[in-house]
């Protein structure tokens, strides 16, 4: 089913730059494996401590592959961040003001954060002074090592394997930054549990989103904040799963991107935190029968053969794609207009796969309403620039005030 074609350079470049690591990466020589997170699990680990243990002179240890165990002398006050999920984690655990950089234009991902944070009283991500790390063009991702010296971060909240893969970088450069500026602490291949480069496969571990969040909370010495926020997530999952219809009555769902007349599908039934907002619903994957990779592309006729009941367009919330405009285009197309999701008005803006914990809460709520409106309330009409739609208080699936209090450090 379907054909495979190389995506154009700009498509792949955008997916890499804005969507997290989707390309191969080298590995920091000698890095250690850490933990035993359940591949594909989206919850926190019950068997491992989250870090933050007191030690000599107030030092404490945290652990996450591929770095292994890391000992910090104090809570980092300045943090380099490449991927959006780590910016969201820093905010969630009360340290958003420590973030000094992002891998891309801060307004691009920041607009998505703003859409969610606007619903939480007092929560924001101040982008003033945030530096953009990626200065590459074409197919290359380029980060100037001198910029990392200039930023002088206490902690590089990024996967060292990713940086070792960048143009002009290798394992020695990653080690140089670790030794001369500050340590690395991040894991990105857990996005889709993609295979790391051969040099690091023996040491790499895959984690669910909330397992990564637990470790990052430990790095900020905020295990209590993690526990109460994870409890909000657990309550949300219990709420939606308690009211799901039988499996045979659930719609088939396809997640994809649409650009210039071409659809780029993603699999729902694969592990990784990219699907942490859809996996809890146990819906059939419309693309499950196909060999979908990052190179897979469908035209209108091929997608009509699959014909998902519901289509979720990734990066649809105040991000890079005008999903309402796309739907209007497809309605008038002689082939795409016959798609069930178009005819039944079930072509929706979906979340960002590179999601942190606060993003995940909103994106689970969003997905519940899009997939099962008769059980969780209708998803309101949305157009780019509107922000997260206003949900009547009686139809909200998690407590906004509690999440805001957690970020502020006021929740117990």
Protein backbone atom coordinates (compact mmCIF):
# COMPACT_ATOMS: atom_id res chain seq x y z
CA UNK A 1 0.00 0.00 0.00
CA UNK A 2 1.41 3.38 -0.94
CA UNK A 3 4.67 4.31 -2.60
CA UNK A 4 7.82 5.70 -1.12
CA UNK A 5 9.45 8.85 -2.39
CA UNK A 6 12.22 11.07 -1.13
CA UNK A 7 10.85 14.15 0.48
CA UNK A 8 12.19 17.41 -0.76
CA UNK A 9 15.08 18.93 1.13
CA UNK A 10 13.04 21.65 2.79
CA UNK A 11 10.53 19.13 4.15
CA UNK A 12 13.21 16.99 5.74
CA UNK A 13 15.04 20.07 6.96
CA UNK A 14 11.94 21.38 8.69
CA UNK A 15 11.22 18.02 10.28
CA UNK A 16 14.75 17.82 11.64
CA UNK A 17 15.04 21.42 12.71
CA UNK A 18 11.63 21.81 14.25
CA UNK A 19 10.56 18.25 14.95
CA UNK A 20 13.52 16.98 16.93
CA UNK A 21 16.11 14.46 15.87
CA UNK A 22 15.03 12.38 12.92
CA UNK A 23 18.46 11.83 11.46
CA UNK A 24 21.32 9.62 12.57
CA UNK A 25 23.72 10.86 15.19
CA UNK A 26 27.13 10.00 16.50
CA UNK A 27 27.68 9.17 20.15
CA UNK A 28 29.84 10.67 22.82
CA UNK A 29 32.65 8.19 23.26
CA UNK A 30 32.49 6.25 26.48
CA UNK A 31 29.04 7.36 27.58
CA UNK A 32 27.16 5.04 29.91
CA UNK A 33 23.70 3.50 29.74
CA UNK A 34 21.28 4.52 32.47
CA UNK A 35 18.04 3.23 33.85
CA UNK A 36 15.74 0.61 32.45
CA UNK A 37 12.78 2.63 31.24
CA UNK A 38 10.02 0.63 29.64
CA UNK A 39 10.22 1.29 25.89
CA UNK A 40 7.10 3.10 24.80
CA UNK A 41 5.86 3.74 28.33
CA UNK A 42 4.55 7.26 28.85
CA UNK A 43 4.43 7.15 32.62
CA UNK A 44 7.14 7.73 35.19
CA UNK A 45 9.18 4.79 36.40
CA UNK A 46 8.01 3.21 39.64
CA UNK A 47 11.30 1.42 40.17
CA UNK A 48 13.84 4.19 39.95
CA UNK A 49 14.48 7.31 41.98
CA UNK A 50 14.13 10.60 40.22
CA UNK A 51 17.44 12.02 41.32
CA UNK A 52 18.06 14.85 43.73
CA UNK A 53 19.69 12.71 46.43
CA UNK A 54 21.76 14.75 48.85
CA UNK A 55 25.49 14.06 48.86
CA UNK A 56 28.73 15.67 50.06
CA UNK A 57 28.65 19.46 50.05
CA UNK A 58 25.07 19.44 48.78
CA UNK A 59 25.89 17.59 45.58
CA UNK A 60 23.30 15.24 44.09
CA UNK A 61 23.11 12.69 41.29
CA UNK A 62 20.75 12.13 38.37
CA UNK A 63 20.84 9.48 35.70
CA UNK A 64 19.69 9.14 32.11
CA UNK A 65 21.11 7.43 29.03
CA UNK A 66 23.17 8.17 27.04
CA UNK A 67 25.05 10.27 29.60
CA UNK A 68 24.72 7.83 32.50
CA UNK A 69 25.05 9.08 36.06
CA UNK A 70 25.67 12.79 36.45
CA UNK A 71 26.62 14.54 39.67
CA UNK A 72 25.67 18.19 40.07
CA UNK A 73 27.00 20.51 42.76
CA UNK A 74 23.99 22.84 42.64
CA UNK A 75 20.74 23.42 40.79
CA UNK A 76 21.56 24.76 37.30
CA UNK A 77 20.71 28.43 36.92
CA UNK A 78 21.52 28.66 33.21
CA UNK A 79 20.44 25.87 30.86
CA UNK A 80 21.03 25.35 27.15
CA UNK A 81 17.99 23.71 25.50
CA UNK A 82 17.73 22.39 21.95
CA UNK A 83 14.34 20.66 21.77
CA UNK A 84 10.99 22.08 22.81
CA UNK A 85 10.15 19.26 25.21
CA UNK A 86 13.00 20.29 27.51
CA UNK A 87 11.90 23.92 27.51
CA UNK A 88 8.43 22.75 28.56
CA UNK A 89 9.97 20.59 31.29
CA UNK A 90 11.99 23.50 32.63
CA UNK A 91 8.82 25.61 32.84
CA UNK A 92 6.81 22.75 34.37
CA UNK A 93 9.29 22.36 37.21
CA UNK A 94 9.56 26.09 37.94
CA UNK A 95 12.85 26.80 36.13
CA UNK A 96 11.74 28.27 32.82
CA UNK A 97 13.82 31.37 33.48
CA UNK A 98 16.98 29.23 33.41
CA UNK A 99 16.56 28.46 29.68
CA UNK A 100 18.94 30.55 27.60
CA UNK A 101 18.50 29.03 24.14
CA UNK A 102 16.49 26.85 21.77
CA UNK A 103 17.59 24.95 18.70
CA UNK A 104 15.30 26.98 16.44
CA UNK A 105 13.63 30.37 16.23
CA UNK A 106 12.23 30.91 19.73
CA UNK A 107 9.02 32.38 18.32
CA UNK A 108 8.32 29.23 16.28
CA UNK A 109 8.06 26.78 19.17
CA UNK A 110 7.31 29.52 21.67
CA UNK A 111 4.00 30.24 19.98
CA UNK A 112 2.93 26.67 20.70
CA UNK A 113 3.92 27.00 24.34
CA UNK A 114 2.09 30.32 24.56
CA UNK A 115 -1.11 28.71 23.29
CA UNK A 116 -1.10 26.25 26.18
CA UNK A 117 0.37 28.48 28.87
CA UNK A 118 -2.25 31.17 28.23
CA UNK A 119 -4.73 28.76 29.84
CA UNK A 120 -2.63 28.58 33.03
CA UNK A 121 -2.72 31.63 35.27
CA UNK A 122 0.75 33.05 35.79
CA UNK A 123 2.57 30.53 33.58
CA UNK A 124 4.65 31.81 30.68
CA UNK A 125 7.85 31.23 28.76
CA UNK A 126 9.76 34.48 28.46
CA UNK A 127 11.53 34.36 25.10
CA UNK A 128 13.35 37.65 25.48
CA UNK A 129 17.07 37.00 25.17
CA UNK A 130 16.65 33.37 24.07
CA UNK A 131 19.38 32.54 21.57
CA UNK A 132 18.82 30.41 18.49
CA UNK A 133 21.35 27.57 18.31
CA UNK A 134 20.82 26.27 14.79
CA UNK A 135 22.35 28.50 12.15
CA UNK A 136 22.41 25.89 9.39
CA UNK A 137 20.92 26.06 5.93
CA UNK A 138 20.13 23.49 3.29
CA UNK A 139 20.29 19.97 4.69
CA UNK A 140 22.81 20.78 7.42
CA UNK A 141 22.26 21.59 11.07
CA UNK A 142 24.99 23.89 12.31
CA UNK A 143 25.59 25.02 15.87
CA UNK A 144 28.60 27.23 16.53
CA UNK A 145 30.64 25.79 19.40
CA UNK A 146 31.71 29.31 20.31
CA UNK A 147 28.06 30.14 21.00
CA UNK A 148 27.97 27.44 23.65
CA UNK A 149 31.04 28.98 25.26
CA UNK A 150 29.30 32.35 25.14
CA UNK A 151 26.11 30.96 26.69
CA UNK A 152 28.22 29.35 29.44
CA UNK A 153 25.35 27.09 30.54
CA UNK A 154 25.50 25.19 33.80
CA UNK A 155 23.76 22.30 32.04
CA UNK A 156 23.23 21.38 28.38
CA UNK A 157 19.74 19.90 28.39
CA UNK A 158 20.22 18.03 25.12
CA UNK A 159 21.24 14.62 23.85
CA UNK A 160 25.01 14.59 23.24
CA UNK A 161 24.45 12.05 20.45
CA UNK A 162 22.41 14.61 18.56
CA UNK A 163 25.10 17.28 18.79
CA UNK A 164 27.82 14.86 17.73
CA UNK A 165 25.86 14.43 14.48
CA UNK A 166 25.74 18.11 13.62
CA UNK A 167 27.78 19.58 10.81
CA UNK A 168 31.26 20.41 12.08
CA UNK A 169 30.85 18.40 15.30
CA UNK A 170 32.15 15.05 16.48
CA UNK A 171 32.46 13.20 19.79
CA UNK A 172 35.59 15.14 20.74
CA UNK A 173 33.75 18.45 20.33
CA UNK A 174 30.92 17.22 22.54
CA UNK A 175 33.43 16.13 25.17
CA UNK A 176 35.17 19.50 24.93
CA UNK A 177 31.96 21.35 25.76
CA UNK A 178 31.24 18.93 28.59
CA UNK A 179 34.68 19.45 30.12
CA UNK A 180 35.08 23.19 29.52
CA UNK A 181 31.54 24.53 29.84
CA UNK A 182 29.01 22.17 31.41
CA UNK A 183 27.64 18.62 31.28
CA UNK A 184 25.07 17.17 28.88
CA UNK A 185 21.80 15.64 30.01
CA UNK A 186 19.19 14.67 27.46
CA UNK A 187 17.69 11.84 25.44
CA UNK A 188 16.09 12.39 22.04
CA UNK A 189 15.97 9.01 20.30
CA UNK A 190 13.13 8.04 22.62
CA UNK A 191 10.93 10.22 20.44
CA UNK A 192 10.18 7.19 18.26
CA UNK A 193 12.57 4.70 19.85
CA UNK A 194 14.64 5.04 16.70
CA UNK A 195 17.87 3.12 16.45
CA UNK A 196 20.85 5.17 17.61
CA UNK A 197 24.11 5.07 15.69
CA UNK A 198 26.00 1.81 15.91
CA UNK A 199 28.62 3.27 18.24
CA UNK A 200 26.11 3.85 21.02
CA UNK A 201 23.55 1.06 20.66
CA UNK A 202 24.92 -0.93 23.56
CA UNK A 203 24.56 2.01 25.96
CA UNK A 204 21.34 3.67 24.86
CA UNK A 205 18.03 3.35 26.74
CA UNK A 206 14.53 4.37 25.66
CA UNK A 207 12.18 6.21 27.99
CA UNK A 208 8.58 7.32 28.00
CA UNK A 209 7.89 11.05 28.15
CA UNK A 210 7.18 11.04 31.86
CA UNK A 211 10.26 8.97 32.60
CA UNK A 212 12.36 11.64 30.92
CA UNK A 213 10.44 14.32 32.82
CA UNK A 214 11.17 12.56 36.10
CA UNK A 215 14.88 12.64 35.40
CA UNK A 216 14.86 16.27 34.32
CA UNK A 217 12.91 17.18 37.47
CA UNK A 218 15.69 15.47 39.39
CA UNK A 219 18.28 17.65 37.64
CA UNK A 220 16.37 20.73 38.84
CA UNK A 221 15.98 19.11 42.26
CA UNK A 222 12.20 19.21 41.94
CA UNK A 223 11.02 15.63 42.56
CA UNK A 224 7.93 16.82 44.46
CA UNK A 225 6.80 18.98 41.54
CA UNK A 226 7.19 16.00 39.26
CA UNK A 227 5.13 13.75 41.53
CA UNK A 228 2.15 16.10 41.73
CA UNK A 229 2.25 16.88 38.02
CA UNK A 230 2.47 13.19 37.18
CA UNK A 231 -0.57 12.64 39.39
CA UNK A 232 -2.51 15.14 37.24
CA UNK A 233 -1.53 13.17 34.18
CA UNK A 234 -2.51 9.87 35.80
CA UNK A 235 -5.93 11.30 36.70
CA UNK A 236 -6.37 12.54 33.12
CA UNK A 237 -5.51 9.14 31.67
CA UNK A 238 -7.91 7.44 34.09
CA UNK A 239 -10.65 9.90 33.12
CA UNK A 240 -10.38 9.29 29.39
CA UNK A 241 -9.78 5.55 29.52
CA UNK A 242 -12.74 5.00 31.82
CA UNK A 243 -15.09 6.38 29.18
CA UNK A 244 -13.71 4.92 25.96
CA UNK A 245 -16.07 2.93 23.71
CA UNK A 246 -15.29 -0.72 22.92
CA UNK A 247 -12.29 -1.15 20.63
CA UNK A 248 -14.41 -2.20 17.69
CA UNK A 249 -16.31 1.11 17.88
CA UNK A 250 -13.25 3.36 17.83
CA UNK A 251 -12.41 5.29 14.64
CA UNK A 252 -9.38 4.58 12.48
CA UNK A 253 -6.91 7.42 12.88
CA UNK A 254 -4.14 8.70 10.65
CA UNK A 255 -1.52 11.21 11.77
CA UNK A 256 0.29 13.10 9.06
CA UNK A 257 1.71 16.30 7.66
CA UNK A 258 0.40 17.88 4.46
CA UNK A 259 2.59 20.03 2.23
CA UNK A 260 2.15 21.12 -1.36
CA UNK A 261 -0.23 18.37 -2.40
CA UNK A 262 1.61 15.57 -0.60
CA UNK A 263 0.84 13.74 2.65
CA UNK A 264 3.60 12.50 4.96
CA UNK A 265 2.15 9.88 7.32
CA UNK A 266 3.38 8.73 10.72
CA UNK A 267 2.65 5.48 12.50
CA UNK A 268 0.58 5.55 15.68
CA UNK A 269 1.34 2.03 16.76
CA UNK A 270 5.07 2.61 17.21
CA UNK A 271 6.59 3.34 20.63
CA UNK A 272 8.08 6.68 21.64
CA UNK A 273 6.98 9.91 23.25
CA UNK A 274 5.91 11.39 19.90
CA UNK A 275 2.64 9.45 20.32
CA UNK A 276 2.16 10.08 24.04
CA UNK A 277 -1.00 12.14 23.40
CA UNK A 278 -2.70 9.58 21.13
CA UNK A 279 -1.55 6.22 22.48
CA UNK A 280 -3.83 6.28 25.57
CA UNK A 281 -6.92 6.02 23.34
CA UNK A 282 -6.07 2.67 21.79
CA UNK A 283 -7.38 3.64 18.36
CA UNK A 284 -6.66 1.64 15.19
CA UNK A 285 -3.74 3.04 13.19
CA UNK A 286 -4.93 3.78 9.67
CA UNK A 287 -1.35 3.40 8.42
CA UNK A 288 -0.63 0.26 10.41
CA UNK A 289 -0.69 -1.99 7.35
CA UNK A 290 1.91 0.05 5.47
CA UNK A 291 5.67 0.26 5.82
CA UNK A 292 5.72 3.90 6.87
CA UNK A 293 9.10 5.58 7.30
CA UNK A 294 10.34 9.16 7.20
CA UNK A 295 10.60 8.75 3.44
CA UNK A 296 6.96 7.70 2.90
CA UNK A 297 4.78 10.04 0.88
CA UNK A 298 1.19 9.69 -0.38
CA UNK A 299 -0.64 11.56 -3.06
CA UNK A 300 -4.40 12.22 -2.80
CA UNK A 301 -5.39 8.96 -4.47
CA UNK A 302 -3.18 6.87 -2.20
CA UNK A 303 -4.51 8.50 0.95
CA UNK A 304 -8.07 7.96 -0.27
CA UNK A 305 -7.30 4.23 -0.50
CA UNK A 306 -6.41 4.28 3.22
CA UNK A 307 -9.23 6.75 4.05
CA UNK A 308 -8.86 7.24 7.84
CA UNK A 309 -12.01 8.07 9.77
CA UNK A 310 -10.08 10.83 11.55
CA UNK A 311 -6.99 12.70 10.39
CA UNK A 312 -4.76 14.42 12.93
CA UNK A 313 -2.39 16.96 11.38
CA UNK A 314 0.79 17.20 13.44
CA UNK A 315 2.26 20.53 14.56
CA UNK A 316 -1.20 22.03 14.22
CA UNK A 317 -1.45 24.14 17.36
CA UNK A 318 -0.07 27.64 16.78
CA UNK A 319 2.81 26.13 14.90
CA UNK A 320 4.05 25.78 11.35
CA UNK A 321 0.90 24.70 9.55
CA UNK A 322 -2.43 26.39 8.91
CA UNK A 323 -4.62 23.33 9.35
CA UNK A 324 -7.89 25.22 8.86
CA UNK A 325 -6.53 26.59 5.59
CA UNK A 326 -5.38 23.15 4.55
CA UNK A 327 -8.79 21.67 5.24
CA UNK A 328 -10.45 24.39 3.16
CA UNK A 329 -8.09 23.52 0.31
CA UNK A 330 -8.85 19.81 0.56
CA UNK A 331 -12.63 20.32 0.69
CA UNK A 332 -12.47 21.78 -2.83
CA UNK A 333 -10.13 19.11 -4.21
CA UNK A 334 -11.85 16.57 -6.50
CA UNK A 335 -10.11 13.60 -4.80
CA UNK A 336 -9.23 14.80 -1.30
CA UNK A 337 -12.77 16.10 -0.92
CA UNK A 338 -13.92 12.48 -0.87
CA UNK A 339 -11.87 11.59 2.19
CA UNK A 340 -14.13 10.53 5.05
CA UNK A 341 -12.31 12.85 7.44
CA UNK A 342 -13.00 15.78 5.12
CA UNK A 343 -16.61 14.88 4.37
CA UNK A 344 -17.36 14.37 8.08
CA UNK A 345 -15.38 17.40 9.29
CA UNK A 346 -12.88 15.25 11.19
CA UNK A 347 -9.63 16.73 9.87
CA UNK A 348 -8.08 18.28 12.98
CA UNK A 349 -5.04 20.23 14.12
CA UNK A 350 -3.07 17.93 16.37
CA UNK A 351 -0.26 18.40 18.83
CA UNK A 352 3.49 18.69 18.64
CA UNK A 353 5.23 15.28 18.83
CA UNK A 354 8.20 16.92 20.59
CA UNK A 355 6.06 17.46 23.67
CA UNK A 356 6.88 18.14 27.27
CA UNK A 357 4.61 17.33 30.22
CA UNK A 358 2.41 20.45 30.16
CA UNK A 359 2.02 20.14 26.40
CA UNK A 360 1.11 16.50 26.88
CA UNK A 361 -1.79 17.33 29.22
CA UNK A 362 -3.38 19.74 26.76
CA UNK A 363 -2.71 17.45 23.80
CA UNK A 364 -4.39 14.49 25.50
CA UNK A 365 -7.43 16.67 26.21
CA UNK A 366 -7.42 17.91 22.61
CA UNK A 367 -7.19 14.39 21.22
CA UNK A 368 -9.98 13.10 23.47
CA UNK A 369 -12.36 15.71 22.10
CA UNK A 370 -11.31 15.15 18.51
CA UNK A 371 -11.66 11.37 18.63
CA UNK A 372 -14.67 11.01 20.94
CA UNK A 373 -16.66 14.26 20.99
CA UNK A 374 -19.81 12.49 22.12
CA UNK A 375 -18.02 11.41 25.32
CA UNK A 376 -15.63 14.27 26.09
CA UNK A 377 -17.25 17.29 24.44
CA UNK A 378 -16.80 18.79 21.00
CA UNK A 379 -13.43 20.16 19.92
CA UNK A 380 -14.15 23.83 19.15
CA UNK A 381 -13.45 25.35 15.76
CA UNK A 382 -9.84 26.48 15.57
CA UNK A 383 -7.87 28.67 13.21
CA UNK A 384 -4.19 29.56 13.30
CA UNK A 385 -3.71 32.54 15.60
CA UNK A 386 -6.67 31.77 17.86
CA UNK A 387 -4.63 30.10 20.59
CA UNK A 388 -5.88 27.02 22.42
CA UNK A 389 -9.67 27.09 22.03
CA UNK A 390 -11.81 28.08 24.99
CA UNK A 391 -13.13 24.92 26.63
CA UNK A 392 -16.14 25.30 28.93
CA UNK A 393 -15.06 24.62 32.49
CA UNK A 394 -17.49 21.72 32.77
CA UNK A 395 -15.85 20.06 29.75
CA UNK A 396 -12.21 20.45 30.79
CA UNK A 397 -10.49 17.16 31.41
CA UNK A 398 -7.85 18.38 33.86
CA UNK A 399 -7.59 21.14 36.45
CA UNK A 400 -5.81 24.20 35.02
CA UNK A 401 -5.53 25.86 38.41
CA UNK A 402 -3.77 22.86 39.90
CA UNK A 403 -1.22 22.77 37.06
CA UNK A 404 -0.58 26.50 37.44
CA UNK A 405 -0.07 26.01 41.17
CA UNK A 406 2.41 23.19 40.52
CA UNK A 407 4.48 25.41 38.22
CA UNK A 408 4.39 28.16 40.85
CA UNK A 409 5.46 25.71 43.54
CA UNK A 410 2.23 26.11 45.52
CA UNK A 411 0.69 22.66 45.02
CA UNK A 412 0.98 19.77 47.43
